[in-house]
Protein backbone atom coordinates (compact mmCIF):
# COMPACT_ATOMS: atom_id res chain seq x y z
CA MET A 1 45.85 -54.60 51.18
CA GLU A 2 48.04 -56.22 48.53
CA ASN A 3 50.72 -57.25 51.04
CA THR A 4 48.49 -57.88 54.03
CA ASN A 5 49.30 -60.96 56.04
CA ARG A 6 46.81 -63.57 54.98
CA ARG A 7 45.89 -64.68 58.49
CA GLU A 8 45.41 -61.10 59.65
CA PHE A 9 43.30 -60.45 56.57
CA LEU A 10 41.02 -63.40 57.27
CA ARG A 11 40.68 -62.47 60.93
CA SER A 12 39.74 -58.89 60.05
CA SER A 13 37.27 -60.14 57.44
CA ALA A 14 35.63 -62.41 60.01
CA ALA A 15 35.37 -59.51 62.44
CA ALA A 16 33.69 -57.38 59.79
CA ALA A 17 31.21 -60.16 59.12
CA ALA A 18 30.43 -60.49 62.81
CA ALA A 19 29.85 -56.75 63.13
CA SER A 20 27.54 -56.64 60.12
CA ALA A 21 25.56 -59.61 61.38
CA PHE A 22 23.72 -57.28 63.74
CA ALA A 23 22.17 -55.52 60.74
CA ALA A 24 18.74 -56.66 59.58
CA PRO A 25 19.21 -59.37 56.92
CA ALA A 26 18.09 -58.61 53.38
CA ILE A 27 16.34 -61.96 53.06
CA ALA A 28 14.05 -63.60 55.59
CA LYS A 29 15.23 -66.90 57.00
CA ASP A 30 11.96 -68.73 56.48
CA LYS A 31 9.83 -68.82 53.35
CA ALA A 32 6.22 -67.99 54.15
CA SER A 33 4.71 -67.20 50.74
CA ALA A 34 5.49 -66.36 47.14
CA ASN A 35 6.16 -62.81 48.31
CA ASP A 36 9.10 -64.15 50.32
CA ARG A 37 10.85 -65.72 47.35
CA VAL A 38 14.39 -64.50 46.79
CA ARG A 39 14.29 -61.89 44.03
CA VAL A 40 17.18 -62.64 41.68
CA ALA A 41 18.63 -60.56 38.85
CA LEU A 42 20.65 -62.09 36.02
CA LEU A 43 23.87 -60.39 34.89
CA GLY A 44 25.39 -61.57 31.62
CA LEU A 45 23.19 -63.46 29.15
CA GLY A 46 25.79 -65.66 27.45
CA GLY A 47 25.90 -69.42 27.08
CA ARG A 48 26.51 -70.45 30.69
CA MET A 49 23.57 -68.34 31.90
CA HIS A 50 21.26 -70.67 29.93
CA TRP A 51 22.17 -73.45 32.37
CA HIS A 52 21.66 -71.15 35.32
CA VAL A 53 18.19 -70.18 34.18
CA ARG A 54 17.21 -73.79 33.60
CA ALA A 55 18.29 -74.62 37.16
CA LEU A 56 16.57 -71.59 38.72
CA ALA A 57 13.40 -72.49 36.81
CA GLN A 58 13.22 -75.65 38.93
CA MET A 59 13.20 -73.55 42.12
CA THR A 60 10.12 -71.38 41.62
CA ASP A 61 9.02 -71.90 45.23
CA GLU A 62 12.27 -70.33 46.40
CA VAL A 63 13.35 -67.94 43.66
CA GLU A 64 11.80 -65.29 41.43
CA ILE A 65 13.80 -63.96 38.47
CA VAL A 66 12.94 -60.26 38.26
CA ALA A 67 15.60 -58.52 36.14
CA VAL A 68 18.20 -59.10 33.43
CA CYS A 69 21.26 -57.09 32.48
CA ASP A 70 23.67 -57.20 29.56
CA CYS A 71 25.66 -54.57 27.71
CA ASP A 72 24.49 -56.11 24.42
CA GLN A 73 20.98 -54.94 23.56
CA LYS A 74 20.49 -57.84 21.15
CA LYS A 75 20.95 -60.32 23.98
CA LEU A 76 18.44 -58.43 26.10
CA ASP A 77 15.93 -58.38 23.25
CA SER A 78 16.28 -62.11 22.58
CA ALA A 79 16.59 -63.33 26.19
CA ALA A 80 13.15 -64.95 26.41
CA LYS A 81 13.57 -66.67 23.06
CA ALA A 82 17.07 -67.90 23.90
CA MET A 83 16.04 -69.01 27.40
CA PRO A 84 12.41 -70.22 27.28
CA ALA A 85 12.15 -70.31 31.09
CA LEU A 86 12.16 -66.50 30.98
CA GLU A 87 9.21 -66.31 28.63
CA GLY A 88 6.20 -64.52 30.11
CA LYS A 89 8.11 -63.09 33.06
CA LYS A 90 7.86 -59.39 33.87
CA LEU A 91 11.55 -58.56 33.76
CA THR A 92 13.17 -55.21 34.27
CA THR A 93 16.00 -54.85 31.76
CA TYR A 94 19.28 -53.00 32.22
CA THR A 95 22.37 -52.31 30.12
CA ASP A 96 24.30 -50.90 33.10
CA MET A 97 24.82 -53.25 36.04
CA ARG A 98 25.33 -50.33 38.45
CA LYS A 99 21.78 -49.15 37.86
CA MET A 100 20.50 -52.67 38.44
CA PHE A 101 22.44 -52.90 41.70
CA ASP A 102 20.71 -49.69 42.82
CA ASP A 103 17.32 -51.44 42.68
CA LYS A 104 16.55 -52.14 46.34
CA SER A 105 13.83 -54.64 45.43
CA ILE A 106 16.49 -57.05 44.15
CA ASP A 107 17.86 -59.43 46.80
CA ALA A 108 20.54 -61.28 44.89
CA VAL A 109 22.45 -61.33 41.62
CA ASP A 110 23.49 -64.27 39.46
CA ILE A 111 26.64 -63.23 37.57
CA SER A 112 27.88 -64.98 34.44
CA LEU A 113 30.32 -62.65 32.70
CA GLY A 114 33.90 -63.02 31.49
CA ASP A 115 36.80 -63.46 33.90
CA ARG A 116 37.72 -59.76 33.59
CA TRP A 117 34.39 -58.66 35.14
CA HIS A 118 33.66 -61.21 37.86
CA ALA A 119 35.53 -59.52 40.70
CA LEU A 120 34.37 -55.93 40.21
CA SER A 121 30.73 -56.87 39.55
CA THR A 122 30.73 -59.04 42.69
CA ILE A 123 32.23 -56.27 44.82
CA TRP A 124 29.77 -53.68 43.49
CA ALA A 125 26.88 -56.08 44.17
CA CYS A 126 28.08 -56.72 47.74
CA GLN A 127 28.40 -52.99 48.35
CA ALA A 128 24.81 -52.59 47.13
CA GLY A 129 23.62 -55.21 49.64
CA LYS A 130 23.08 -58.06 47.17
CA ASP A 131 24.00 -61.69 47.67
CA VAL A 132 25.94 -63.10 44.73
CA TYR A 133 26.27 -66.28 42.71
CA VAL A 134 29.34 -65.75 40.51
CA GLU A 135 30.47 -68.08 37.76
CA LYS A 136 33.94 -69.47 37.68
CA PRO A 137 36.70 -68.44 37.25
CA PRO A 138 35.94 -65.88 39.95
CA ALA A 139 38.91 -63.57 39.31
CA HIS A 140 41.67 -62.57 36.90
CA ASN A 141 44.38 -61.99 39.54
CA LEU A 142 44.91 -62.78 43.21
CA PHE A 143 44.38 -59.20 44.40
CA GLU A 144 40.85 -59.37 42.98
CA SER A 145 39.86 -62.60 44.66
CA ARG A 146 41.18 -61.29 48.00
CA GLN A 147 39.01 -58.21 47.56
CA MET A 148 36.00 -60.38 46.77
CA VAL A 149 36.43 -62.21 50.08
CA ALA A 150 36.85 -58.90 51.88
CA ALA A 151 33.67 -57.46 50.35
CA ALA A 152 31.64 -60.59 51.12
CA ARG A 153 32.69 -60.49 54.77
CA LYS A 154 32.44 -56.72 55.25
CA TYR A 155 28.87 -56.53 53.91
CA ASN A 156 27.80 -59.98 55.19
CA ARG A 157 26.94 -61.14 51.69
CA MET A 158 26.61 -64.74 50.60
CA VAL A 159 28.97 -65.16 47.63
CA GLN A 160 28.80 -68.60 46.03
CA VAL A 161 31.29 -69.49 43.28
CA GLY A 162 30.10 -71.65 40.39
CA MET A 163 32.26 -74.62 41.37
CA GLN A 164 29.16 -76.78 41.41
CA MET A 165 30.89 -80.10 42.02
CA ARG A 166 30.95 -79.01 45.68
CA SER A 167 27.15 -79.49 45.80
CA SER A 168 26.80 -82.59 43.61
CA PRO A 169 25.53 -85.45 45.85
CA ASN A 170 27.59 -88.10 44.06
CA ILE A 171 30.78 -86.04 44.22
CA ILE A 172 30.20 -85.34 47.92
CA GLU A 173 29.84 -89.09 48.49
CA GLY A 174 33.03 -89.78 46.53
CA ILE A 175 35.02 -87.26 48.58
CA GLN A 176 33.66 -88.83 51.78
CA LYS A 177 34.72 -92.29 50.57
CA LEU A 178 38.15 -90.91 49.76
CA LYS A 179 38.54 -89.47 53.26
CA GLU A 180 37.32 -92.73 54.78
CA GLY A 181 40.24 -94.49 53.09
CA VAL A 182 38.51 -96.37 50.27
CA VAL A 183 41.77 -96.27 48.27
CA GLY A 184 44.08 -96.14 51.29
CA ASP A 185 46.41 -93.25 52.01
CA VAL A 186 46.18 -90.77 49.16
CA TYR A 187 49.60 -89.53 48.06
CA MET A 188 48.91 -87.83 44.71
CA ALA A 189 46.15 -86.16 42.73
CA ARG A 190 46.03 -85.24 39.08
CA GLY A 191 43.61 -83.34 36.87
CA VAL A 192 43.36 -83.75 33.10
CA ASP A 193 41.47 -81.54 30.69
CA PHE A 194 41.87 -82.58 27.05
CA LYS A 195 39.51 -80.53 24.89
CA LEU A 196 39.67 -80.21 21.13
CA ARG A 197 40.12 -76.62 19.94
CA GLY A 198 40.57 -75.73 16.26
CA ASN A 199 42.20 -72.73 14.61
CA LEU A 200 40.75 -69.60 16.22
CA GLY A 201 41.59 -67.12 13.49
CA THR A 202 43.19 -63.71 13.65
CA ILE A 203 42.42 -60.22 14.94
CA LYS A 204 40.71 -58.17 12.24
CA PRO A 205 39.36 -54.81 13.44
CA SER A 206 35.80 -54.00 12.40
CA PRO A 207 32.91 -51.71 13.44
CA VAL A 208 31.27 -52.38 16.80
CA PRO A 209 28.01 -54.31 16.24
CA ALA A 210 24.81 -52.33 16.72
CA GLY A 211 23.52 -52.52 20.28
CA LEU A 212 26.83 -53.55 21.88
CA ASP A 213 28.43 -51.17 24.39
CA TRP A 214 32.07 -52.05 23.73
CA ASP A 215 33.35 -49.85 26.56
CA LYS A 216 31.24 -51.70 29.14
CA TRP A 217 32.06 -55.06 27.58
CA LEU A 218 35.83 -54.49 28.05
CA GLY A 219 35.23 -53.02 31.50
CA PRO A 220 38.42 -53.02 33.61
CA LYS A 221 40.69 -53.92 30.69
CA PRO A 222 42.45 -51.51 28.29
CA MET A 223 40.47 -50.13 25.38
CA HIS A 224 41.05 -51.97 22.10
CA GLU A 225 39.62 -51.62 18.65
CA TYR A 226 36.67 -53.97 18.23
CA SER A 227 37.20 -57.28 16.46
CA THR A 228 35.18 -60.46 16.46
CA PHE A 229 38.30 -62.25 17.72
CA TRP A 230 38.38 -60.12 20.87
CA HIS A 231 34.62 -60.37 21.27
CA ARG A 232 34.08 -64.07 20.53
CA ARG A 233 37.47 -65.60 21.39
CA TRP A 234 38.13 -63.69 24.62
CA TYR A 235 38.57 -66.91 26.59
CA PHE A 236 41.84 -67.57 24.72
CA ASN A 237 43.23 -64.06 25.31
CA LEU A 238 45.14 -63.86 28.59
CA GLU A 239 44.61 -60.10 28.77
CA LEU A 240 40.88 -60.81 29.22
CA ALA A 241 40.75 -64.29 30.71
CA ASN A 242 42.71 -67.14 32.30
CA GLY A 243 42.37 -69.55 29.37
CA PRO A 244 43.17 -73.19 30.09
CA PHE A 245 44.76 -72.27 33.43
CA ALA A 246 41.33 -71.82 35.03
CA ASN A 247 38.33 -72.53 32.82
CA GLN A 248 38.07 -76.26 33.47
CA ALA A 249 41.08 -76.31 35.75
CA VAL A 250 39.46 -74.40 38.61
CA HIS A 251 36.76 -77.10 38.85
CA LEU A 252 39.25 -79.95 38.99
CA LEU A 253 41.87 -78.25 41.14
CA ASP A 254 39.12 -77.30 43.57
CA VAL A 255 38.11 -80.95 43.85
CA ILE A 256 41.77 -81.84 44.39
CA ARG A 257 42.06 -79.27 47.19
CA TRP A 258 38.85 -80.61 48.70
CA GLY A 259 39.85 -84.26 48.47
CA LEU A 260 43.37 -83.72 49.83
CA GLY A 261 42.26 -81.26 52.50
CA LEU A 262 44.58 -78.54 51.18
CA GLU A 263 43.65 -75.38 53.06
CA GLU A 264 47.01 -73.67 52.57
CA HIS A 265 48.38 -72.34 49.29
CA PRO A 266 51.14 -74.11 47.35
CA THR A 267 54.74 -72.97 47.90
CA ARG A 268 56.10 -73.65 44.41
CA VAL A 269 54.39 -73.88 41.02
CA THR A 270 55.78 -74.80 37.60
CA ALA A 271 54.17 -74.46 34.19
CA THR A 272 55.63 -76.15 31.11
CA CYS A 273 53.48 -75.03 28.21
CA GLY A 274 53.46 -74.60 24.45
CA THR A 275 51.33 -73.66 21.45
CA PHE A 276 51.10 -76.28 18.73
CA VAL A 277 49.30 -77.31 15.52
CA HIS A 278 47.46 -74.05 14.77
CA GLU A 279 48.79 -70.61 13.91
CA ASP A 280 46.31 -68.04 15.20
CA ASP A 281 46.18 -65.01 17.48
CA ARG A 282 45.44 -66.69 20.79
CA THR A 283 47.79 -65.70 23.63
CA SER A 284 47.01 -68.74 25.80
CA PRO A 285 48.91 -72.00 25.22
CA THR A 286 47.30 -75.02 23.60
CA HIS A 287 49.08 -77.47 25.93
CA THR A 288 50.02 -77.13 29.60
CA ALA A 289 51.72 -79.35 32.17
CA LEU A 290 51.51 -77.90 35.68
CA THR A 291 52.92 -79.01 39.03
CA PHE A 292 52.08 -77.78 42.53
CA GLN A 293 54.26 -78.29 45.59
CA PHE A 294 52.87 -77.84 49.10
CA ASP A 295 54.44 -77.70 52.55
CA LYS A 296 52.58 -80.93 53.21
CA PRO A 297 55.48 -83.18 52.07
CA LYS A 298 53.58 -86.25 50.91
CA THR A 299 51.18 -84.41 48.62
CA TYR A 300 51.93 -84.23 44.92
CA VAL A 301 49.57 -82.44 42.51
CA THR A 302 49.76 -82.21 38.73
CA TYR A 303 47.45 -80.84 36.05
CA GLU A 304 47.56 -81.19 32.27
CA HIS A 305 45.63 -79.54 29.45
CA ARG A 306 45.74 -80.52 25.77
CA SER A 307 43.70 -79.03 22.97
CA TRP A 308 44.20 -81.38 20.04
CA TYR A 309 44.01 -85.09 19.23
CA THR A 310 45.13 -87.21 22.17
CA ASN A 311 45.03 -90.53 23.92
CA SER A 312 42.74 -90.93 26.90
CA GLU A 313 43.75 -91.35 30.53
CA ALA A 314 42.22 -93.37 33.40
CA GLY A 315 39.34 -94.34 31.12
CA PHE A 316 38.16 -90.74 30.67
CA ARG A 317 36.21 -90.37 27.41
CA ASP A 318 36.67 -93.92 26.08
CA GLU A 319 35.03 -95.74 29.00
CA TYR A 320 33.73 -92.94 31.21
CA PRO A 321 32.66 -90.00 29.03
CA PHE A 322 32.53 -86.42 30.17
CA MET A 323 29.50 -84.21 29.41
CA GLN A 324 31.36 -83.20 26.24
CA ARG A 325 31.63 -86.77 25.06
CA ASP A 326 34.75 -86.52 22.90
CA PHE A 327 36.89 -84.88 25.58
CA PRO A 328 38.87 -86.79 28.25
CA VAL A 329 38.33 -84.75 31.41
CA GLY A 330 38.54 -85.73 35.07
CA THR A 331 40.35 -85.96 38.37
CA ILE A 332 42.44 -88.88 39.65
CA PHE A 333 43.38 -89.58 43.28
CA LEU A 334 46.11 -92.20 43.78
CA GLY A 335 46.24 -94.09 47.06
CA SER A 336 48.13 -96.93 48.72
CA LYS A 337 45.29 -99.40 47.95
CA GLY A 338 44.10 -98.16 44.56
CA TYR A 339 42.74 -95.06 42.89
CA LEU A 340 39.55 -93.03 42.66
CA ILE A 341 38.37 -91.00 39.67
CA PHE A 342 35.80 -88.28 39.12
CA PRO A 343 35.17 -88.52 35.35
CA ASP A 344 32.45 -85.86 35.28
CA TYR A 345 30.42 -83.58 37.55
CA SER A 346 28.18 -86.32 38.92
CA SER A 347 30.07 -89.63 39.20
CA TYR A 348 32.91 -91.35 40.99
CA ARG A 349 34.53 -94.77 40.52
CA THR A 350 37.18 -96.65 42.48
CA PHE A 351 39.66 -99.31 41.39
CA LEU A 352 41.57 -101.45 43.87
CA GLY A 353 44.78 -103.46 43.90
CA LEU A 354 47.13 -104.61 41.16
CA LYS A 355 44.26 -105.78 38.93
CA CYS A 356 42.35 -102.49 39.42
CA LYS A 357 39.29 -104.37 40.62
CA PRO A 358 36.22 -102.09 40.52
CA GLY A 359 35.23 -100.90 43.98
CA PRO A 360 32.52 -98.57 45.32
CA LYS A 361 31.05 -96.17 42.79
CA LYS A 362 28.13 -93.87 42.13
CA VAL A 363 27.41 -93.03 38.51
CA PHE A 364 25.06 -90.88 36.47
CA ASP A 365 25.05 -92.35 32.94
CA TRP A 366 24.45 -89.29 30.78
CA PHE A 367 24.91 -91.23 27.52
CA SER A 368 22.91 -94.37 28.22
CA GLU A 369 20.76 -95.26 25.24
CA LYS A 370 17.93 -95.93 27.69
CA VAL A 371 17.98 -92.34 28.93
CA ASN A 372 15.93 -89.73 27.10
CA VAL A 373 18.25 -86.81 26.34
CA ASP A 374 15.84 -84.12 27.58
CA SER A 375 15.11 -86.06 30.75
CA ALA A 376 18.80 -86.70 31.25
CA ARG A 377 19.54 -83.00 30.99
CA VAL A 378 16.96 -82.21 33.67
CA ASN A 379 18.31 -85.03 35.84
CA LEU A 380 21.86 -83.76 35.39
CA ASP A 381 20.74 -80.25 36.36
CA SER A 382 19.24 -81.80 39.48
CA LEU A 383 22.56 -83.46 40.31
CA ILE A 384 24.85 -80.46 39.83
CA ASP A 385 23.41 -77.00 39.15
CA VAL A 386 20.16 -77.15 41.12
CA PRO A 387 21.78 -78.33 44.39
CA HIS A 388 24.40 -75.59 44.07
CA PHE A 389 21.77 -72.88 43.64
CA GLN A 390 19.66 -74.39 46.44
CA ASN A 391 22.69 -74.29 48.71
CA TRP A 392 23.25 -70.63 47.83
CA ILE A 393 19.64 -69.73 48.61
CA ALA A 394 19.82 -71.65 51.91
CA ALA A 395 22.86 -69.60 52.90
CA CYS A 396 21.10 -66.38 51.85
CA ARG A 397 18.23 -67.21 54.20
CA ALA A 398 20.48 -68.32 57.06
CA ARG A 399 22.81 -65.29 56.63
CA ASP A 400 25.74 -67.63 57.23
CA HIS A 401 28.53 -68.01 54.66
CA LYS A 402 29.60 -71.26 56.35
CA VAL A 403 26.47 -72.85 54.85
CA LEU A 404 27.84 -72.29 51.33
CA SER A 405 29.34 -75.26 49.51
CA ALA A 406 31.68 -73.03 47.48
CA ASP A 407 32.12 -69.84 49.48
CA ILE A 408 34.25 -67.17 47.83
CA GLU A 409 37.12 -67.98 50.21
CA ASP A 410 37.32 -71.47 48.69
CA GLY A 411 37.09 -69.82 45.28
CA HIS A 412 40.05 -67.63 46.25
CA LYS A 413 42.12 -70.59 47.42
CA SER A 414 41.41 -72.70 44.34
CA MET A 415 41.98 -69.77 41.97
CA ALA A 416 45.38 -69.20 43.60
CA LEU A 417 46.61 -72.46 42.02
CA CYS A 418 45.30 -71.42 38.60
CA LEU A 419 46.70 -67.90 38.82
CA LEU A 420 50.11 -69.01 40.04
CA ALA A 421 50.33 -71.45 37.12
CA ARG A 422 49.30 -68.75 34.63
CA THR A 423 51.87 -66.37 36.11
CA ALA A 424 54.63 -69.01 35.90
CA TYR A 425 53.77 -69.46 32.22
CA GLN A 426 53.72 -65.74 31.50
CA VAL A 427 57.12 -65.08 33.11
CA ASP A 428 58.46 -68.40 31.74
CA ARG A 429 59.89 -69.67 35.01
CA PRO A 430 58.77 -71.46 38.20
CA VAL A 431 57.38 -69.28 40.98
CA ASN A 432 57.92 -69.60 44.72
CA PHE A 433 55.01 -68.48 46.86
CA ASP A 434 54.66 -67.41 50.50
CA PRO A 435 51.22 -68.64 51.64
CA ALA A 436 51.20 -66.32 54.68
CA THR A 437 51.65 -63.08 52.73
CA GLU A 438 50.18 -64.36 49.43
CA THR A 439 53.18 -63.01 47.54
CA ILE A 440 55.62 -64.49 45.05
CA THR A 441 59.06 -64.33 46.61
CA GLY A 442 62.25 -63.28 44.83
CA ASP A 443 60.49 -62.27 41.61
CA GLU A 444 59.08 -58.73 41.49
CA GLU A 445 57.82 -59.08 37.91
CA ALA A 446 55.81 -62.21 38.69
CA ASP A 447 54.42 -60.82 41.96
CA ALA A 448 53.31 -57.60 40.26
CA MET A 449 51.50 -59.65 37.64
CA LEU A 450 49.72 -61.63 40.35
CA ASN A 451 49.06 -58.96 42.96
CA LYS A 452 49.37 -55.45 41.47
CA PRO A 453 47.01 -55.16 38.52
CA THR A 454 46.16 -51.93 36.71
CA TYR A 455 42.62 -51.01 35.68
CA ARG A 456 40.87 -48.66 33.28
CA GLU A 457 38.72 -45.96 34.84
CA PRO A 458 35.99 -46.08 36.01
CA TYR A 459 36.17 -49.88 36.21
CA VAL A 460 38.62 -50.14 39.10
CA VAL A 461 38.72 -52.88 41.74
CA PRO A 462 39.18 -50.80 44.92
CA ASN A 463 41.96 -51.19 47.46
CA GLN A 464 39.37 -50.63 50.18
CA VAL A 465 36.08 -52.35 49.54
């Protein structure tokens, strides 16, 4: 399926979904009692899952958390202490996700693993008849994300990607304002992601910690000797993850796609990158400058990542702080009458004319001195994570992937930008892309990196899902 025409692929996926729609849905459309709550299992008990659990805890009328899975026994043993919302729940625990997927009493799975595992765990869950919420970035190469779409459609599963800005009421309003012309004709969009990262250290092999199944943790990737660097700094290792090309970038590039109405892939991508300041064993760059060219001639998209001391941009951080207060992060849309910014996951602001006069806005002030921090956190959950999970559950009940705010197909399209940029960096040259075939043209090395991955048995993303 690696070279399948994209349009033919999507048509065949839609046909598979239509055929499977005649099967009895796993989840009833209407909630009648507590017994009809969607039974959700949690896969991966790391830091991001804490936010998921806090959001799901606000949906007890709709959702029941019934199981947890992690290949680290220590995380399983400490789950209730680490995530108080789990305390007192009768949870079935698993160290092998495949055994958890075999449990027919489970309706859906919330997946928060590393990039290397997201695709295969999603496909396995779909094959087992589970709906899926999968954290971003959804995939480590483009073949994987295509297969995720195929599995979701074939088994009529609702697969929501954790690009939660798609469900944030204030962001939705900002996108609507943008499309109504609040800043005129939009001709350019830019994402910036400036996050301070110190020296990450070096690879020093050591014994595998007690309780950790290192084989399962690595999953599809080649076996390596254990080291805390591989285990704790995996995000910065391009063999395991996408690094700065997707972690924050997939959020912001997805908003750019959404705001500009970019349904087709880019045709040319460049990545000018470097590693500065620190000498450590990371394989991802500390600084990136990315450009994306589309067939739509008047659209210009750029993205920049920095990981050390920097100036701000468009007021990010200094005037309009991100959730991580010291980091300038956000998206900028430039139009013929002014510009619009999304400085966080729950706000937008507009500025008009030569004097940048403030225009329409909707803001959640996370750092207001008048806001109690605990209350603010709950309110922020309500603005971003809770609506995204509610949207997922609504789609699960309706058995209609079109209800999803961030369906896996949108995840696939937004990840394509990230993955093309990462590939351009790794081969150290621009890449030209054919949107119809989803292949890099004139560069076999780059296309193989993007579309022809190798896996370690038995953790293989299948060619036929």
